[in-house]
Amino acid sequence: MSLSQSQIKFLAIAPKVSGLLSMAGSLFIIRDVATSSKKRKSVFHRVLMGLSCTDLWISFCYFLSTWPIPRDTEGVWGASGTTATCALQGAAKQFGIALPIYSGSLAVYYVFVACFEWDEARIKHIVEPFFHGIPLVFGLVTSITGLPLTLYNSANFWCWIAPYPPNCMESYQYGADGNCERGDNAWIYRLVFWYIPAWIVIFVATGCMIAVYWSVLQKERAADQFNARSGNPIQRKRSGRVAIQASLYIFSFYVAYLPTSVARLLQFFGFTWKFPLLIIVALLTPIQGFFNGMVYILSQYARYKRSHPKASVSRAVWWIIFKNKRIETPEQVKGQEAKGQDAAGGANPERFEGTLSDTFVSSAQMVEGKTQERFTSEFMNEISEQRSRQQDASEASEVFTQERSHEGSPREELWQPCKGE
């Protein structure tokens, strides 16, 4: 497919824009977690921190886009590097396979919290090492493996696993007639090192989010049944929030990986990439960090507004950005400490640190050992108390009946004269 010079230039610049946006989103999450001692102790935030650091790394590689590609490469605008710089960028980008695997780790974390109701300590000691180890080890091994195999060459947008010269005959198709100087069998390595793991993670993450939503919904239905019997109003809000957050999480993950996956599948079946599809791939492939940051910010905004319904949007945004670094006079600080409230009349916003997990499935509270309290124990305790009251009443009635049937009892003697009258 032949492209005009302006189209080639646009495809070289597009990843720089979306890469910068992704870096900004990841940096916000990293800063927010790194500056909070409470969040640094949370498994969820440590996994999110690892995901964001990985995204920051690969987003920077996308930002470089065509610069590391060897200069004078035909059909590439802005190429200013050498074979060595191209190999470096390719290896760095391949390490980015850790990003989708980290996303899968985050989804699995929600399952352990919401479905299996594991506490923080159990998750930390049993499964957290796998949350970090699997993405980092797989990314590092595949990244290093590609170097001696000379897999990293110009892939038009950036350097990655690609055959050189372009359109050379790969040996997996042509056998001994293959004539690739570098990156032989690149298509196979792309599938094994990137696309198959990414597709597996997409299916796993989708299944995990469905399981989380279904688990929360089932617990709410159980609570609704109790409320219906006791005459209390039925409220089903948490499952709705979980559904929205699950959709947002899956959406940010799909936006980054589905376009490239579809494009590669079309290429595999012999379709030629058109310029609109190239634009989508160039713009959306580096963008996951930006959407992760937006979901993270929106979750904090939603929690702040629930705690401060009268607070303005500007005040909520100010708190989300600066939090404990708000500029206040000593009198204001003293007044807030005395009242225990903020200027808007609500609880002190420093006490509320909205997190993605809290809005998603209230996992922050669940990790603190409050899973049953929020989802099951509230109505189970009420059922237990009601049964206890019924049992006490039944025992009292039985005692009363026995006293009445007992001959010569004081109650019977007092009752008989009245009956005779």
Protein backbone atom coordinates (compact mmCIF):
# COMPACT_ATOMS: atom_id res chain seq x y z
CA MET A 1 0.00 0.00 0.00
CA SER A 2 1.46 3.35 -1.07
CA LEU A 3 1.04 6.33 1.27
CA SER A 4 1.50 10.01 0.61
CA GLN A 5 4.21 11.94 2.40
CA SER A 6 1.67 13.70 4.62
CA GLN A 7 0.15 10.35 5.64
CA ILE A 8 3.58 8.94 6.47
CA LYS A 9 4.32 12.02 8.56
CA PHE A 10 1.01 11.76 10.41
CA LEU A 11 1.63 8.10 11.26
CA ALA A 12 5.04 9.03 12.70
CA ILE A 13 3.65 11.86 14.88
CA ALA A 14 0.46 10.15 16.13
CA PRO A 15 2.24 7.75 18.57
CA LYS A 16 4.13 10.68 20.08
CA VAL A 17 0.86 12.40 21.04
CA SER A 18 -0.88 9.35 22.47
CA GLY A 19 2.38 8.23 24.11
CA LEU A 20 2.63 11.55 25.96
CA LEU A 21 -0.98 11.27 27.13
CA SER A 22 -0.36 7.73 28.34
CA MET A 23 2.76 8.81 30.21
CA ALA A 24 0.79 11.60 31.92
CA GLY A 25 -1.91 9.15 33.09
CA SER A 26 0.63 6.67 34.42
CA LEU A 27 2.67 9.39 36.14
CA PHE A 28 -0.43 10.60 37.98
CA ILE A 29 -1.11 7.10 39.34
CA ILE A 30 2.56 6.59 40.26
CA ARG A 31 2.71 9.92 42.07
CA ASP A 32 -0.56 9.29 43.91
CA VAL A 33 0.51 5.84 45.14
CA ALA A 34 4.11 6.79 45.90
CA THR A 35 3.10 9.74 48.09
CA SER A 36 0.60 7.75 50.18
CA SER A 37 2.01 5.41 52.82
CA LYS A 38 -1.42 3.79 53.15
CA LYS A 39 -1.60 2.97 49.46
CA ARG A 40 1.96 1.67 49.37
CA LYS A 41 0.89 -0.97 51.88
CA SER A 42 -2.01 -2.11 49.69
CA VAL A 43 -1.60 -5.08 47.33
CA PHE A 44 -3.99 -3.50 44.88
CA HIS A 45 -1.99 -0.28 44.69
CA ARG A 46 1.33 -2.09 44.43
CA VAL A 47 0.01 -4.05 41.44
CA LEU A 48 -1.40 -0.84 39.97
CA MET A 49 1.98 0.81 40.59
CA GLY A 50 3.77 -1.99 38.71
CA LEU A 51 1.28 -1.70 35.86
CA SER A 52 1.74 2.07 35.66
CA CYS A 53 5.54 1.87 35.77
CA THR A 54 5.48 -0.65 32.94
CA ASP A 55 3.10 1.56 30.97
CA LEU A 56 5.35 4.57 31.54
CA TRP A 57 8.25 2.59 30.08
CA ILE A 58 6.46 1.37 26.98
CA SER A 59 4.70 4.71 26.44
CA PHE A 60 8.10 6.36 26.26
CA CYS A 61 9.10 3.83 23.60
CA TYR A 62 5.97 4.70 21.65
CA PHE A 63 6.73 8.40 22.08
CA LEU A 64 10.09 7.87 20.36
CA SER A 65 8.17 6.26 17.47
CA THR A 66 10.29 6.53 14.29
CA TRP A 67 13.33 8.31 15.72
CA PRO A 68 15.36 5.14 16.55
CA ILE A 69 14.68 3.60 13.10
CA PRO A 70 17.82 3.63 10.89
CA ARG A 71 18.01 6.82 8.89
CA ASP A 72 17.24 6.70 5.19
CA THR A 73 14.75 3.84 5.77
CA GLU A 74 12.34 4.05 2.88
CA GLY A 75 8.76 5.09 3.63
CA VAL A 76 9.46 6.26 7.21
CA TRP A 77 9.36 9.92 8.26
CA GLY A 78 11.67 11.09 11.03
CA ALA A 79 13.99 8.06 11.04
CA SER A 80 17.23 9.20 12.70
CA GLY A 81 18.79 6.13 14.30
CA THR A 82 20.88 3.08 13.51
CA THR A 83 20.43 -0.67 13.60
CA ALA A 84 21.61 -0.63 17.23
CA THR A 85 19.13 2.04 18.36
CA CYS A 86 16.36 0.20 16.54
CA ALA A 87 17.23 -3.04 18.31
CA LEU A 88 17.24 -1.20 21.64
CA GLN A 89 13.81 0.29 21.07
CA GLY A 90 12.47 -3.05 19.87
CA ALA A 91 13.71 -4.84 22.98
CA ALA A 92 12.27 -2.13 25.22
CA LYS A 93 8.91 -2.36 23.47
CA GLN A 94 8.86 -6.14 23.71
CA PHE A 95 9.35 -5.84 27.47
CA GLY A 96 6.04 -3.98 27.37
CA ILE A 97 4.21 -7.32 27.06
CA ALA A 98 4.34 -7.10 30.84
CA LEU A 99 1.68 -4.36 30.62
CA PRO A 100 -1.26 -6.51 29.44
CA ILE A 101 -0.17 -9.31 31.79
CA TYR A 102 -0.16 -6.82 34.68
CA SER A 103 -3.69 -5.86 33.64
CA GLY A 104 -4.62 -9.52 33.91
CA SER A 105 -3.02 -9.64 37.37
CA LEU A 106 -5.20 -6.75 38.47
CA ALA A 107 -8.32 -8.52 37.20
CA VAL A 108 -7.36 -11.72 39.04
CA TYR A 109 -6.79 -9.67 42.20
CA TYR A 110 -10.41 -8.52 42.09
CA VAL A 111 -11.55 -12.14 41.86
CA PHE A 112 -9.59 -13.12 44.97
CA VAL A 113 -11.03 -10.16 46.87
CA ALA A 114 -14.64 -10.10 45.70
CA CYS A 115 -15.34 -13.77 44.91
CA PHE A 116 -13.02 -15.74 47.22
CA GLU A 117 -12.98 -13.03 49.92
CA TRP A 118 -9.28 -13.39 50.67
CA ASP A 119 -7.86 -10.85 53.06
CA GLU A 120 -4.86 -8.60 52.41
CA ALA A 121 -2.32 -10.74 54.27
CA ARG A 122 -3.30 -13.93 52.45
CA ILE A 123 -3.14 -12.29 49.03
CA LYS A 124 0.19 -10.65 49.87
CA HIS A 125 1.95 -13.85 50.91
CA ILE A 126 0.44 -16.33 48.43
CA VAL A 127 -0.42 -14.67 45.13
CA GLU A 128 1.13 -11.18 45.04
CA PRO A 129 4.58 -12.52 44.02
CA PHE A 130 2.94 -14.04 40.94
CA PHE A 131 1.15 -10.76 40.17
CA HIS A 132 4.56 -9.12 39.70
CA GLY A 133 6.76 -12.07 38.79
CA ILE A 134 4.87 -13.44 35.79
CA PRO A 135 4.64 -10.18 33.79
CA LEU A 136 8.16 -9.02 34.62
CA VAL A 137 9.89 -12.36 33.98
CA PHE A 138 7.99 -13.05 30.76
CA GLY A 139 8.64 -9.54 29.48
CA LEU A 140 12.33 -9.68 30.33
CA VAL A 141 12.91 -13.16 28.88
CA THR A 142 11.16 -12.46 25.58
CA SER A 143 12.81 -9.06 25.30
CA ILE A 144 16.32 -10.45 25.72
CA THR A 145 15.63 -13.48 23.51
CA GLY A 146 14.86 -11.25 20.54
CA LEU A 147 18.30 -9.62 20.56
CA PRO A 148 20.49 -12.58 19.47
CA LEU A 149 17.75 -13.63 17.03
CA THR A 150 18.00 -10.16 15.40
CA LEU A 151 14.22 -9.84 15.53
CA TYR A 152 14.04 -6.08 16.10
CA ASN A 153 13.78 -4.00 12.95
CA SER A 154 11.65 -1.23 11.49
CA ALA A 155 7.93 -1.91 11.86
CA ASN A 156 6.92 1.40 10.21
CA PHE A 157 5.55 3.09 13.38
CA TRP A 158 8.46 2.08 15.60
CA CYS A 159 11.04 -0.69 15.92
CA TRP A 160 9.80 -4.08 16.96
CA ILE A 161 9.71 -7.69 15.73
CA ALA A 162 9.76 -7.40 11.95
CA PRO A 163 11.53 -9.00 8.95
CA TYR A 164 14.32 -7.19 7.14
CA PRO A 165 14.30 -6.38 4.31
CA PRO A 166 10.56 -5.69 4.38
CA ASN A 167 8.54 -8.28 2.44
CA CYS A 168 11.42 -10.74 2.41
CA MET A 169 10.63 -14.46 2.18
CA GLU A 170 10.54 -16.00 5.65
CA SER A 171 11.84 -19.52 6.12
CA TYR A 172 8.69 -20.83 7.82
CA GLN A 173 6.92 -20.30 4.50
CA TYR A 174 9.68 -20.78 1.94
CA GLY A 175 12.10 -23.07 3.75
CA ALA A 176 15.61 -22.97 2.31
CA ASP A 177 14.54 -20.29 -0.16
CA GLY A 178 14.01 -17.75 2.64
CA ASN A 179 16.08 -14.62 2.12
CA CYS A 180 15.52 -12.48 5.26
CA GLU A 181 18.73 -10.93 6.55
CA ARG A 182 17.23 -10.14 9.95
CA GLY A 183 13.99 -10.98 11.72
CA ASP A 184 13.42 -14.32 10.02
CA ASN A 185 10.07 -15.88 11.00
CA ALA A 186 9.03 -12.59 12.60
CA TRP A 187 5.34 -13.42 12.25
CA ILE A 188 5.70 -16.54 14.42
CA TYR A 189 7.64 -14.67 17.08
CA ARG A 190 5.04 -11.90 17.13
CA LEU A 191 2.34 -14.45 17.82
CA VAL A 192 4.29 -16.32 20.51
CA PHE A 193 5.91 -13.34 22.22
CA TRP A 194 3.01 -10.89 22.10
CA TYR A 195 -0.34 -11.59 20.49
CA ILE A 196 -1.19 -15.00 21.97
CA PRO A 197 -0.31 -13.88 25.54
CA ALA A 198 -2.26 -10.63 25.02
CA TRP A 199 -5.31 -12.50 23.68
CA ILE A 200 -5.20 -14.92 26.61
CA VAL A 201 -5.12 -11.98 29.03
CA ILE A 202 -8.07 -10.34 27.26
CA PHE A 203 -10.21 -13.45 27.74
CA VAL A 204 -9.03 -13.96 31.33
CA ALA A 205 -9.66 -10.33 32.29
CA THR A 206 -13.11 -10.41 30.73
CA GLY A 207 -14.00 -13.59 32.59
CA CYS A 208 -12.68 -12.15 35.86
CA MET A 209 -14.76 -9.00 35.56
CA ILE A 210 -17.89 -11.01 34.80
CA ALA A 211 -17.19 -13.21 37.84
CA VAL A 212 -16.69 -10.17 40.08
CA TYR A 213 -19.92 -8.55 38.94
CA TRP A 214 -21.86 -11.79 39.30
CA SER A 215 -20.47 -12.38 42.81
CA VAL A 216 -21.48 -8.91 43.99
CA LEU A 217 -24.89 -9.23 42.34
CA GLN A 218 -25.58 -12.57 44.02
CA LYS A 219 -24.75 -11.14 47.43
CA GLU A 220 -27.01 -8.18 46.78
CA ARG A 221 -29.84 -10.49 45.75
CA ALA A 222 -29.45 -12.39 49.00
CA ALA A 223 -29.63 -9.10 50.87
CA ASP A 224 -32.69 -8.08 48.83
CA GLN A 225 -34.49 -11.27 49.80
CA PHE A 226 -33.95 -10.49 53.45
CA ASN A 227 -35.02 -6.87 52.99
CA ALA A 228 -38.18 -8.00 51.22
CA ARG A 229 -39.09 -10.31 54.09
CA SER A 230 -38.37 -7.66 56.71
CA GLY A 231 -40.19 -4.90 54.83
CA ASN A 232 -37.07 -2.82 54.17
CA PRO A 233 -36.66 -1.05 50.81
CA ILE A 234 -34.66 -2.92 48.20
CA GLN A 235 -31.59 -1.05 47.02
CA ARG A 236 -29.19 -2.39 44.42
CA LYS A 237 -26.54 0.24 43.84
CA ARG A 238 -23.24 -1.54 44.33
CA SER A 239 -23.68 -4.00 41.47
CA GLY A 240 -24.45 -1.08 39.16
CA ARG A 241 -21.24 0.68 40.14
CA VAL A 242 -19.31 -2.55 39.70
CA ALA A 243 -20.80 -3.02 36.24
CA ILE A 244 -19.79 0.51 35.24
CA GLN A 245 -16.28 0.21 36.63
CA ALA A 246 -15.81 -3.25 35.11
CA SER A 247 -16.90 -1.85 31.75
CA LEU A 248 -14.49 1.07 32.06
CA TYR A 249 -11.63 -1.19 33.03
CA ILE A 250 -12.28 -3.60 30.17
CA PHE A 251 -12.81 -0.66 27.83
CA SER A 252 -9.39 0.87 28.55
CA PHE A 253 -7.76 -2.52 28.07
CA TYR A 254 -9.62 -3.28 24.84
CA VAL A 255 -8.96 0.15 23.35
CA ALA A 256 -5.22 -0.44 23.47
CA TYR A 257 -5.09 -4.03 22.21
CA LEU A 258 -8.13 -4.88 20.12
CA PRO A 259 -7.30 -2.60 17.14
CA THR A 260 -3.83 -4.08 16.72
CA SER A 261 -5.15 -7.61 17.22
CA VAL A 262 -7.82 -7.12 14.57
CA ALA A 263 -5.30 -5.58 12.19
CA ARG A 264 -2.91 -8.50 12.62
CA LEU A 265 -5.68 -11.04 12.08
CA LEU A 266 -6.72 -9.26 8.89
CA GLN A 267 -3.10 -9.31 7.75
CA PHE A 268 -2.86 -13.00 8.53
CA PHE A 269 -5.85 -13.73 6.27
CA GLY A 270 -4.36 -11.72 3.43
CA PHE A 271 -6.05 -8.34 3.85
CA THR A 272 -4.02 -5.21 3.21
CA TRP A 273 -3.97 -2.52 5.88
CA LYS A 274 -5.79 0.67 4.84
CA PHE A 275 -4.76 4.11 6.03
CA PRO A 276 -7.74 4.58 8.44
CA LEU A 277 -6.80 1.33 10.19
CA LEU A 278 -3.18 2.48 10.40
CA ILE A 279 -4.36 5.71 12.06
CA ILE A 280 -6.37 3.79 14.66
CA VAL A 281 -3.43 1.52 15.46
CA ALA A 282 -0.95 4.42 15.70
CA LEU A 283 -3.22 6.46 17.97
CA LEU A 284 -4.71 3.82 20.27
CA THR A 285 -1.93 1.28 20.79
CA PRO A 286 0.06 3.57 23.15
CA ILE A 287 -3.01 5.02 24.95
CA GLN A 288 -3.75 2.56 27.78
CA GLY A 289 -1.99 4.59 30.48
CA PHE A 290 -4.15 7.61 29.69
CA PHE A 291 -7.38 5.63 30.09
CA ASN A 292 -6.08 3.93 33.24
CA GLY A 293 -5.39 7.36 34.69
CA MET A 294 -8.86 8.60 33.73
CA VAL A 295 -10.56 5.61 35.38
CA TYR A 296 -8.42 6.12 38.47
CA ILE A 297 -9.29 9.83 38.65
CA LEU A 298 -13.00 9.27 38.01
CA SER A 299 -13.17 6.68 40.78
CA GLN A 300 -11.66 9.17 43.23
CA TYR A 301 -14.02 11.88 42.01
CA ALA A 302 -17.03 9.60 42.49
CA ARG A 303 -16.00 8.76 46.04
CA TYR A 304 -15.32 12.36 46.94
CA LYS A 305 -18.75 13.39 45.65
CA ARG A 306 -20.43 10.65 47.67
CA SER A 307 -18.75 12.01 50.79
CA HIS A 308 -19.22 15.66 49.79
CA PRO A 309 -22.39 15.89 47.70
CA LYS A 310 -22.45 19.71 47.95
CA ALA A 311 -18.82 20.20 46.94
CA SER A 312 -18.17 21.88 43.60
CA VAL A 313 -16.46 20.15 40.70
CA SER A 314 -13.46 22.47 40.96
CA ARG A 315 -13.03 21.66 44.65
CA ALA A 316 -13.25 17.92 43.97
CA VAL A 317 -10.68 18.18 41.16
CA TRP A 318 -8.42 20.28 43.41
CA TRP A 319 -8.54 17.64 46.13
CA ILE A 320 -7.89 14.80 43.67
CA ILE A 321 -4.80 16.55 42.29
CA PHE A 322 -3.28 17.97 45.47
CA LYS A 323 -4.88 16.09 48.38
CA ASN A 324 -2.65 16.52 51.45
CA LYS A 325 -0.68 19.24 49.68
CA ARG A 326 -3.50 21.79 49.82
CA ILE A 327 -2.38 25.31 50.68
CA GLU A 328 -4.13 26.36 53.89
CA THR A 329 -3.53 28.87 56.63
CA PRO A 330 -2.81 27.65 60.18
CA GLU A 331 -6.21 29.01 61.25
CA GLN A 332 -7.96 26.91 58.61
CA VAL A 333 -6.07 23.80 59.64
CA LYS A 334 -6.85 24.43 63.30
CA GLY A 335 -10.50 25.04 62.55
CA GLN A 336 -10.78 21.84 60.53
CA GLU A 337 -9.11 19.82 63.27
CA ALA A 338 -11.55 21.25 65.81
CA LYS A 339 -14.62 20.62 63.71
CA GLY A 340 -13.44 17.43 62.00
CA GLN A 341 -14.96 18.81 58.83
CA ASP A 342 -13.87 20.62 55.73
CA ALA A 343 -14.99 24.03 54.58
CA ALA A 344 -17.82 22.48 52.54
CA GLY A 345 -19.40 21.10 55.69
CA GLY A 346 -18.55 17.45 55.07
CA ALA A 347 -15.99 15.12 56.52
CA ASN A 348 -12.37 16.13 56.15
CA PRO A 349 -11.37 15.15 52.61
CA GLU A 350 -7.93 14.07 53.80
CA ARG A 351 -9.64 11.13 55.45
CA PHE A 352 -10.94 9.90 52.12
CA GLU A 353 -8.53 8.52 49.57
CA GLY A 354 -10.69 7.27 46.70
CA THR A 355 -9.25 4.27 44.96
CA LEU A 356 -10.10 2.31 41.86
CA SER A 357 -10.64 -0.81 43.95
CA ASP A 358 -12.99 0.96 46.37
CA THR A 359 -15.31 2.13 43.60
CA PHE A 360 -14.93 -1.09 41.66
CA VAL A 361 -15.91 -3.58 44.36
CA SER A 362 -15.03 -1.75 47.59
CA SER A 363 -11.97 -3.96 47.78
CA ALA A 364 -10.17 -1.52 50.05
CA GLN A 365 -12.77 -2.26 52.72
CA MET A 366 -12.82 -5.92 51.83
CA VAL A 367 -9.05 -6.17 52.22
CA GLU A 368 -9.37 -4.59 55.68
CA GLY A 369 -11.43 -7.59 56.72
CA LYS A 370 -14.82 -6.01 56.08
CA THR A 371 -15.92 -8.11 53.15
CA GLN A 372 -18.58 -9.99 55.07
CA GLU A 373 -19.63 -6.84 56.88
CA ARG A 374 -20.40 -5.02 53.65
CA PHE A 375 -21.77 -7.81 51.49
CA THR A 376 -23.02 -10.68 53.67
CA SER A 377 -22.75 -10.14 57.40
CA GLU A 378 -25.02 -7.10 57.49
CA PHE A 379 -28.12 -9.06 56.63
CA MET A 380 -26.85 -12.39 58.01
CA ASN A 381 -26.35 -10.77 61.41
CA GLU A 382 -29.84 -9.34 61.23
CA ILE A 383 -31.22 -12.77 60.33
CA SER A 384 -29.32 -14.25 63.28
CA GLU A 385 -30.67 -11.60 65.63
CA GLN A 386 -34.20 -12.11 64.36
CA ARG A 387 -33.94 -15.88 64.83
CA SER A 388 -32.55 -15.31 68.31
CA ARG A 389 -35.51 -13.07 69.17
CA GLN A 390 -37.93 -15.63 67.78
CA GLN A 391 -36.25 -18.38 69.77
CA ASP A 392 -36.42 -16.30 72.96
CA ALA A 393 -40.09 -15.60 72.33
CA SER A 394 -40.74 -19.28 71.67
CA GLU A 395 -38.98 -20.29 74.87
CA ALA A 396 -40.91 -17.70 76.85
CA SER A 397 -44.19 -18.95 75.39
CA GLU A 398 -43.27 -22.52 76.22
CA VAL A 399 -42.46 -21.61 79.83
CA PHE A 400 -45.75 -19.72 80.13
CA THR A 401 -47.68 -22.72 78.78
CA GLN A 402 -45.96 -25.09 81.15
CA GLU A 403 -46.77 -22.82 84.10
CA ARG A 404 -50.41 -22.66 83.10
CA SER A 405 -50.67 -26.44 82.75
CA HIS A 406 -48.94 -27.08 86.06
CA GLU A 407 -51.54 -27.98 88.73
CA GLY A 408 -51.51 -26.06 91.92
CA SER A 409 -49.38 -23.34 90.56
CA PRO A 410 -49.92 -19.84 92.03
CA ARG A 411 -50.97 -18.59 88.60
CA GLU A 412 -53.68 -21.29 88.33
CA GLU A 413 -54.95 -20.62 91.87
CA LEU A 414 -55.30 -16.93 91.18
CA TRP A 415 -56.96 -17.50 87.85
CA GLN A 416 -59.59 -20.03 89.01
CA PRO A 417 -61.59 -17.71 91.31
CA CYS A 418 -61.75 -15.12 88.55
CA LYS A 419 -62.99 -17.82 86.22
CA GLY A 420 -65.68 -18.88 88.68
CA GLU A 421 -66.98 -15.37 88.96
